[in-house]
Structures are given as structure tokens and as C-alpha cells.
Amino acid sequence: MNFTTKKTVEEKKKTKKKNRNNVTQALGYQHLHGLRHAYAQRRYEEMTHFITKGYGWKSPINGGPKKEQLNDFEKHVDRQVQLMLSQELGHSREAIVKSYIG
């Protein structure tokens, strides 16, 4: 393999990543590494609205409240949503979901 071919492959990867990030940011999702993050952020907001019957919030990475800003009930909802999201995304650790939603 020569260096020209390798550079072309790397350029293609960068272009794909840039395009993917442009699309997800146009949909209103920030600080992304892909559509999986956008899905998790959207589902977080949907789930908090569903569980609280309309009184939900955005994920922290999208301008929603940080954990320390939540009251006890909201902290409980936040934990439940993160656990459900973890299962939906096929992860066994809640910490992975935090990287998606902030």
C-alpha cells in the first residue's frame, strides 16, 4: 500500500465524520461523535417527558439541567432514564450513557 492510497482513505473517513456531524448538528444536537449520541439525547428528552407526564427536560449536553440542579424526584427520573437508555443502547454501564447525554 502506498501513502497516497492511505491518505485518501483517511481523507474519506474525515469527510464522512464531518458530514455526519453536520447532519446531527443541523437537527439540534451538539458535541456528537455520531447518530448514536443524537438518538440517546433525543430519547433522554422523550423519556423524561413521558415519565413525568409532560414535565421533562433536555439532556445536559443539550442545555438541560446538570445533576446537581435536579430535585430529588428529578434525580430519580434521571437515573431511571439513564438505566433504560443503557439497556436500549446495549450497554451494561450507566457511565457509557453519560458520555452520550452529558
N, C-alpha and C. Protein backbone atom coordinates (compact mmCIF):
# COMPACT_ATOMS: atom_id res chain seq x y z
N MET A 1 0.86 -1.19 0.00
CA MET A 1 0.00 0.00 0.00
C MET A 1 0.89 1.23 0.00
N ASN A 2 0.64 2.16 -0.89
CA ASN A 2 1.44 3.37 -0.90
C ASN A 2 0.76 4.45 -0.05
N PHE A 3 1.50 5.51 0.25
CA PHE A 3 1.00 6.56 1.13
C PHE A 3 -0.15 7.35 0.52
N THR A 4 -0.20 7.48 -0.79
CA THR A 4 -1.29 8.20 -1.45
C THR A 4 -2.62 7.52 -1.18
N THR A 5 -2.67 6.20 -1.29
CA THR A 5 -3.90 5.45 -1.03
C THR A 5 -4.32 5.59 0.41
N LYS A 6 -3.37 5.45 1.33
CA LYS A 6 -3.68 5.57 2.76
C LYS A 6 -4.24 6.96 3.07
N LYS A 7 -3.64 7.99 2.50
CA LYS A 7 -4.11 9.35 2.73
C LYS A 7 -5.54 9.51 2.20
N THR A 8 -5.82 8.95 1.08
CA THR A 8 -7.16 9.03 0.50
C THR A 8 -8.19 8.38 1.42
N VAL A 9 -7.85 7.23 1.99
CA VAL A 9 -8.74 6.54 2.92
C VAL A 9 -8.98 7.40 4.15
N GLU A 10 -7.93 7.99 4.69
CA GLU A 10 -8.06 8.86 5.86
C GLU A 10 -8.89 10.09 5.55
N GLU A 11 -8.70 10.65 4.38
CA GLU A 11 -9.50 11.82 3.97
C GLU A 11 -10.97 11.45 3.85
N LYS A 12 -11.26 10.27 3.33
CA LYS A 12 -12.64 9.82 3.22
C LYS A 12 -13.27 9.67 4.60
N LYS A 13 -12.53 9.12 5.54
CA LYS A 13 -13.04 8.96 6.91
C LYS A 13 -13.37 10.32 7.52
N LYS A 14 -12.46 11.28 7.35
CA LYS A 14 -12.69 12.61 7.90
C LYS A 14 -13.91 13.28 7.27
N THR A 15 -14.05 13.12 5.97
CA THR A 15 -15.19 13.70 5.26
C THR A 15 -16.50 13.09 5.75
N LYS A 16 -16.54 11.76 5.91
CA LYS A 16 -17.74 11.09 6.42
C LYS A 16 -18.09 11.58 7.81
N LYS A 17 -17.08 11.69 8.68
CA LYS A 17 -17.33 12.15 10.04
C LYS A 17 -17.85 13.58 10.04
N LYS A 18 -17.25 14.43 9.23
CA LYS A 18 -17.69 15.83 9.14
C LYS A 18 -19.13 15.91 8.66
N ASN A 19 -19.45 15.15 7.62
CA ASN A 19 -20.83 15.15 7.10
C ASN A 19 -21.82 14.66 8.14
N ARG A 20 -21.48 13.59 8.84
CA ARG A 20 -22.35 13.03 9.88
C ARG A 20 -22.58 14.07 10.99
N ASN A 21 -21.52 14.73 11.41
CA ASN A 21 -21.66 15.74 12.46
C ASN A 21 -22.47 16.94 11.99
N ASN A 22 -22.32 17.34 10.73
CA ASN A 22 -23.11 18.45 10.19
C ASN A 22 -24.60 18.13 10.22
N VAL A 23 -24.95 16.91 9.84
CA VAL A 23 -26.35 16.50 9.82
C VAL A 23 -26.93 16.49 11.23
N THR A 24 -26.23 15.88 12.17
CA THR A 24 -26.76 15.79 13.53
C THR A 24 -26.83 17.17 14.19
N GLN A 25 -25.87 18.04 13.92
CA GLN A 25 -25.93 19.39 14.49
C GLN A 25 -27.07 20.18 13.87
N ALA A 26 -27.35 19.96 12.60
CA ALA A 26 -28.49 20.63 11.95
C ALA A 26 -29.81 20.21 12.58
N LEU A 27 -29.82 19.02 13.17
CA LEU A 27 -31.02 18.53 13.87
C LEU A 27 -31.10 19.06 15.30
N GLY A 28 -30.10 19.83 15.71
CA GLY A 28 -30.14 20.45 17.03
C GLY A 28 -29.37 19.71 18.10
N TYR A 29 -28.52 18.77 17.72
CA TYR A 29 -27.73 18.01 18.69
C TYR A 29 -26.28 18.43 18.58
N GLN A 30 -25.66 18.66 19.72
CA GLN A 30 -24.30 19.20 19.75
C GLN A 30 -23.32 18.18 20.33
N HIS A 31 -22.03 18.45 20.10
CA HIS A 31 -20.93 17.66 20.67
C HIS A 31 -21.08 16.18 20.38
N LEU A 32 -21.20 15.85 19.13
CA LEU A 32 -21.51 14.47 18.76
C LEU A 32 -20.33 13.74 18.16
N HIS A 33 -20.41 12.45 18.26
CA HIS A 33 -19.50 11.57 17.54
C HIS A 33 -20.31 10.64 16.67
N GLY A 34 -21.57 10.93 16.49
CA GLY A 34 -22.37 10.11 15.61
C GLY A 34 -23.85 10.13 15.94
N LEU A 35 -24.58 9.41 15.15
CA LEU A 35 -26.03 9.37 15.30
C LEU A 35 -26.46 8.68 16.58
N ARG A 36 -25.64 7.79 17.11
CA ARG A 36 -25.96 7.11 18.36
C ARG A 36 -26.12 8.12 19.49
N HIS A 37 -25.26 9.13 19.51
CA HIS A 37 -25.35 10.20 20.51
C HIS A 37 -26.66 10.97 20.32
N ALA A 38 -26.99 11.30 19.08
CA ALA A 38 -28.22 12.03 18.80
C ALA A 38 -29.43 11.23 19.26
N TYR A 39 -29.41 9.94 18.99
CA TYR A 39 -30.51 9.07 19.42
C TYR A 39 -30.64 9.10 20.93
N ALA A 40 -29.55 8.93 21.65
CA ALA A 40 -29.58 8.91 23.11
C ALA A 40 -30.09 10.24 23.67
N GLN A 41 -29.66 11.33 23.08
CA GLN A 41 -30.08 12.65 23.54
C GLN A 41 -31.58 12.87 23.30
N ARG A 42 -32.05 12.46 22.14
CA ARG A 42 -33.48 12.59 21.84
C ARG A 42 -34.31 11.70 22.75
N ARG A 43 -33.89 10.47 22.93
CA ARG A 43 -34.62 9.53 23.79
C ARG A 43 -34.63 9.99 25.25
N TYR A 44 -33.55 10.57 25.72
CA TYR A 44 -33.50 11.09 27.08
C TYR A 44 -34.61 12.11 27.28
N GLU A 45 -34.72 13.04 26.36
CA GLU A 45 -35.76 14.08 26.46
C GLU A 45 -37.15 13.45 26.37
N GLU A 46 -37.36 12.54 25.43
CA GLU A 46 -38.66 11.87 25.30
C GLU A 46 -39.03 11.11 26.57
N MET A 47 -38.08 10.39 27.12
CA MET A 47 -38.35 9.58 28.31
C MET A 47 -38.64 10.44 29.54
N THR A 48 -37.90 11.54 29.72
CA THR A 48 -38.18 12.39 30.88
C THR A 48 -39.57 13.00 30.75
N HIS A 49 -39.97 13.36 29.54
CA HIS A 49 -41.32 13.90 29.32
C HIS A 49 -42.38 12.84 29.59
N PHE A 50 -42.14 11.62 29.13
CA PHE A 50 -43.11 10.54 29.31
C PHE A 50 -43.27 10.18 30.79
N ILE A 51 -42.15 9.98 31.47
CA ILE A 51 -42.21 9.57 32.88
C ILE A 51 -42.85 10.64 33.75
N THR A 52 -42.57 11.89 33.46
CA THR A 52 -43.11 12.99 34.28
C THR A 52 -44.44 13.51 33.75
N LYS A 53 -44.98 12.85 32.74
CA LYS A 53 -46.25 13.23 32.12
C LYS A 53 -46.23 14.67 31.60
N GLY A 54 -45.18 14.98 30.85
CA GLY A 54 -45.09 16.27 30.19
C GLY A 54 -44.11 17.26 30.80
N TYR A 55 -43.65 16.99 32.00
CA TYR A 55 -42.68 17.87 32.65
C TYR A 55 -41.31 17.22 32.55
N GLY A 56 -40.72 17.28 31.38
CA GLY A 56 -39.41 16.67 31.16
C GLY A 56 -38.38 17.74 30.84
N TRP A 57 -37.21 17.29 30.43
CA TRP A 57 -36.12 18.24 30.16
C TRP A 57 -35.15 17.64 29.16
N LYS A 58 -34.35 18.52 28.59
CA LYS A 58 -33.31 18.12 27.65
C LYS A 58 -32.15 17.47 28.41
N SER A 59 -31.34 16.74 27.67
CA SER A 59 -30.14 16.17 28.27
C SER A 59 -29.16 17.30 28.60
N PRO A 60 -28.31 17.10 29.59
CA PRO A 60 -27.37 18.16 29.97
C PRO A 60 -26.52 18.68 28.81
N ILE A 61 -26.11 17.79 27.91
CA ILE A 61 -25.26 18.22 26.80
C ILE A 61 -26.01 19.13 25.83
N ASN A 62 -27.34 19.08 25.86
CA ASN A 62 -28.16 19.93 25.00
C ASN A 62 -28.77 21.10 25.75
N GLY A 63 -28.19 21.46 26.88
CA GLY A 63 -28.66 22.62 27.63
C GLY A 63 -29.61 22.31 28.77
N GLY A 64 -29.88 21.03 29.00
CA GLY A 64 -30.73 20.64 30.13
C GLY A 64 -29.98 20.79 31.45
N PRO A 65 -30.69 20.60 32.55
CA PRO A 65 -30.07 20.78 33.86
C PRO A 65 -29.01 19.73 34.16
N LYS A 66 -27.99 20.15 34.89
CA LYS A 66 -26.97 19.22 35.39
C LYS A 66 -27.55 18.49 36.60
N LYS A 67 -26.96 17.37 36.95
CA LYS A 67 -27.49 16.54 38.03
C LYS A 67 -27.67 17.33 39.33
N GLU A 68 -26.71 18.18 39.65
CA GLU A 68 -26.78 18.95 40.90
C GLU A 68 -27.90 19.99 40.89
N GLN A 69 -28.47 20.27 39.74
CA GLN A 69 -29.58 21.22 39.63
C GLN A 69 -30.94 20.54 39.76
N LEU A 70 -30.96 19.22 39.78
CA LEU A 70 -32.22 18.48 39.85
C LEU A 70 -32.67 18.30 41.29
N ASN A 71 -33.99 18.31 41.51
CA ASN A 71 -34.51 17.99 42.84
C ASN A 71 -34.51 16.46 43.00
N ASP A 72 -34.93 15.96 44.16
CA ASP A 72 -34.86 14.52 44.42
C ASP A 72 -35.69 13.70 43.43
N PHE A 73 -36.90 14.16 43.13
CA PHE A 73 -37.74 13.45 42.16
C PHE A 73 -37.08 13.42 40.79
N GLU A 74 -36.57 14.56 40.35
CA GLU A 74 -35.92 14.65 39.04
C GLU A 74 -34.67 13.78 38.97
N LYS A 75 -33.93 13.70 40.08
CA LYS A 75 -32.76 12.82 40.13
C LYS A 75 -33.18 11.36 39.96
N HIS A 76 -34.29 11.00 40.56
CA HIS A 76 -34.81 9.63 40.43
C HIS A 76 -35.18 9.36 38.97
N VAL A 77 -35.88 10.31 38.34
CA VAL A 77 -36.26 10.17 36.94
C VAL A 77 -35.01 10.07 36.07
N ASP A 78 -34.04 10.94 36.31
CA ASP A 78 -32.79 10.95 35.56
C ASP A 78 -32.11 9.57 35.63
N ARG A 79 -32.03 9.02 36.81
CA ARG A 79 -31.39 7.69 36.99
C ARG A 79 -32.16 6.61 36.24
N GLN A 80 -33.48 6.62 36.35
CA GLN A 80 -34.29 5.62 35.65
C GLN A 80 -34.12 5.72 34.14
N VAL A 81 -34.13 6.94 33.64
CA VAL A 81 -33.98 7.15 32.20
C VAL A 81 -32.60 6.68 31.73
N GLN A 82 -31.58 6.99 32.50
CA GLN A 82 -30.24 6.55 32.11
C GLN A 82 -30.12 5.03 32.10
N LEU A 83 -30.74 4.38 33.06
CA LEU A 83 -30.72 2.91 33.09
C LEU A 83 -31.46 2.32 31.89
N MET A 84 -32.62 2.89 31.56
CA MET A 84 -33.38 2.41 30.40
C MET A 84 -32.61 2.66 29.11
N LEU A 85 -32.00 3.83 29.00
CA LEU A 85 -31.21 4.15 27.81
C LEU A 85 -30.02 3.20 27.67
N SER A 86 -29.41 2.90 28.79
CA SER A 86 -28.28 1.97 28.78
C SER A 86 -28.70 0.63 28.19
N GLN A 87 -29.87 0.16 28.58
CA GLN A 87 -30.39 -1.10 28.03
C GLN A 87 -30.72 -0.96 26.55
N GLU A 88 -31.36 0.13 26.17
CA GLU A 88 -31.71 0.35 24.76
C GLU A 88 -30.48 0.36 23.87
N LEU A 89 -29.41 0.95 24.39
CA LEU A 89 -28.19 1.09 23.60
C LEU A 89 -27.30 -0.15 23.69
N GLY A 90 -27.70 -1.10 24.52
CA GLY A 90 -26.93 -2.34 24.63
C GLY A 90 -25.69 -2.24 25.50
N HIS A 91 -25.71 -1.30 26.44
CA HIS A 91 -24.58 -1.14 27.36
C HIS A 91 -24.95 -1.67 28.73
N SER A 92 -23.97 -2.14 29.45
CA SER A 92 -24.23 -2.64 30.80
C SER A 92 -23.87 -1.62 31.86
N ARG A 93 -23.28 -0.50 31.43
CA ARG A 93 -22.89 0.51 32.41
C ARG A 93 -23.54 1.85 32.10
N GLU A 94 -24.05 2.47 33.14
CA GLU A 94 -24.69 3.78 33.02
C GLU A 94 -23.68 4.84 32.60
N ALA A 95 -22.42 4.67 32.97
CA ALA A 95 -21.39 5.66 32.65
C ALA A 95 -21.25 5.87 31.16
N ILE A 96 -21.47 4.85 30.37
CA ILE A 96 -21.38 4.99 28.90
C ILE A 96 -22.46 5.93 28.40
N VAL A 97 -23.66 5.81 28.96
CA VAL A 97 -24.78 6.68 28.56
C VAL A 97 -24.44 8.13 28.90
N LYS A 98 -23.79 8.37 30.03
CA LYS A 98 -23.41 9.73 30.41
C LYS A 98 -22.56 10.39 29.34
N SER A 99 -21.70 9.62 28.67
CA SER A 99 -20.87 10.20 27.62
C SER A 99 -21.72 10.65 26.44
N TYR A 100 -22.89 10.05 26.25
CA TYR A 100 -23.78 10.42 25.16
C TYR A 100 -24.65 11.63 25.49
N ILE A 101 -25.09 11.71 26.74
CA ILE A 101 -26.09 12.74 27.09
C ILE A 101 -25.53 13.89 27.93
N GLY A 102 -24.33 13.73 28.45
CA GLY A 102 -23.70 14.79 29.25
C GLY A 102 -23.90 14.61 30.72
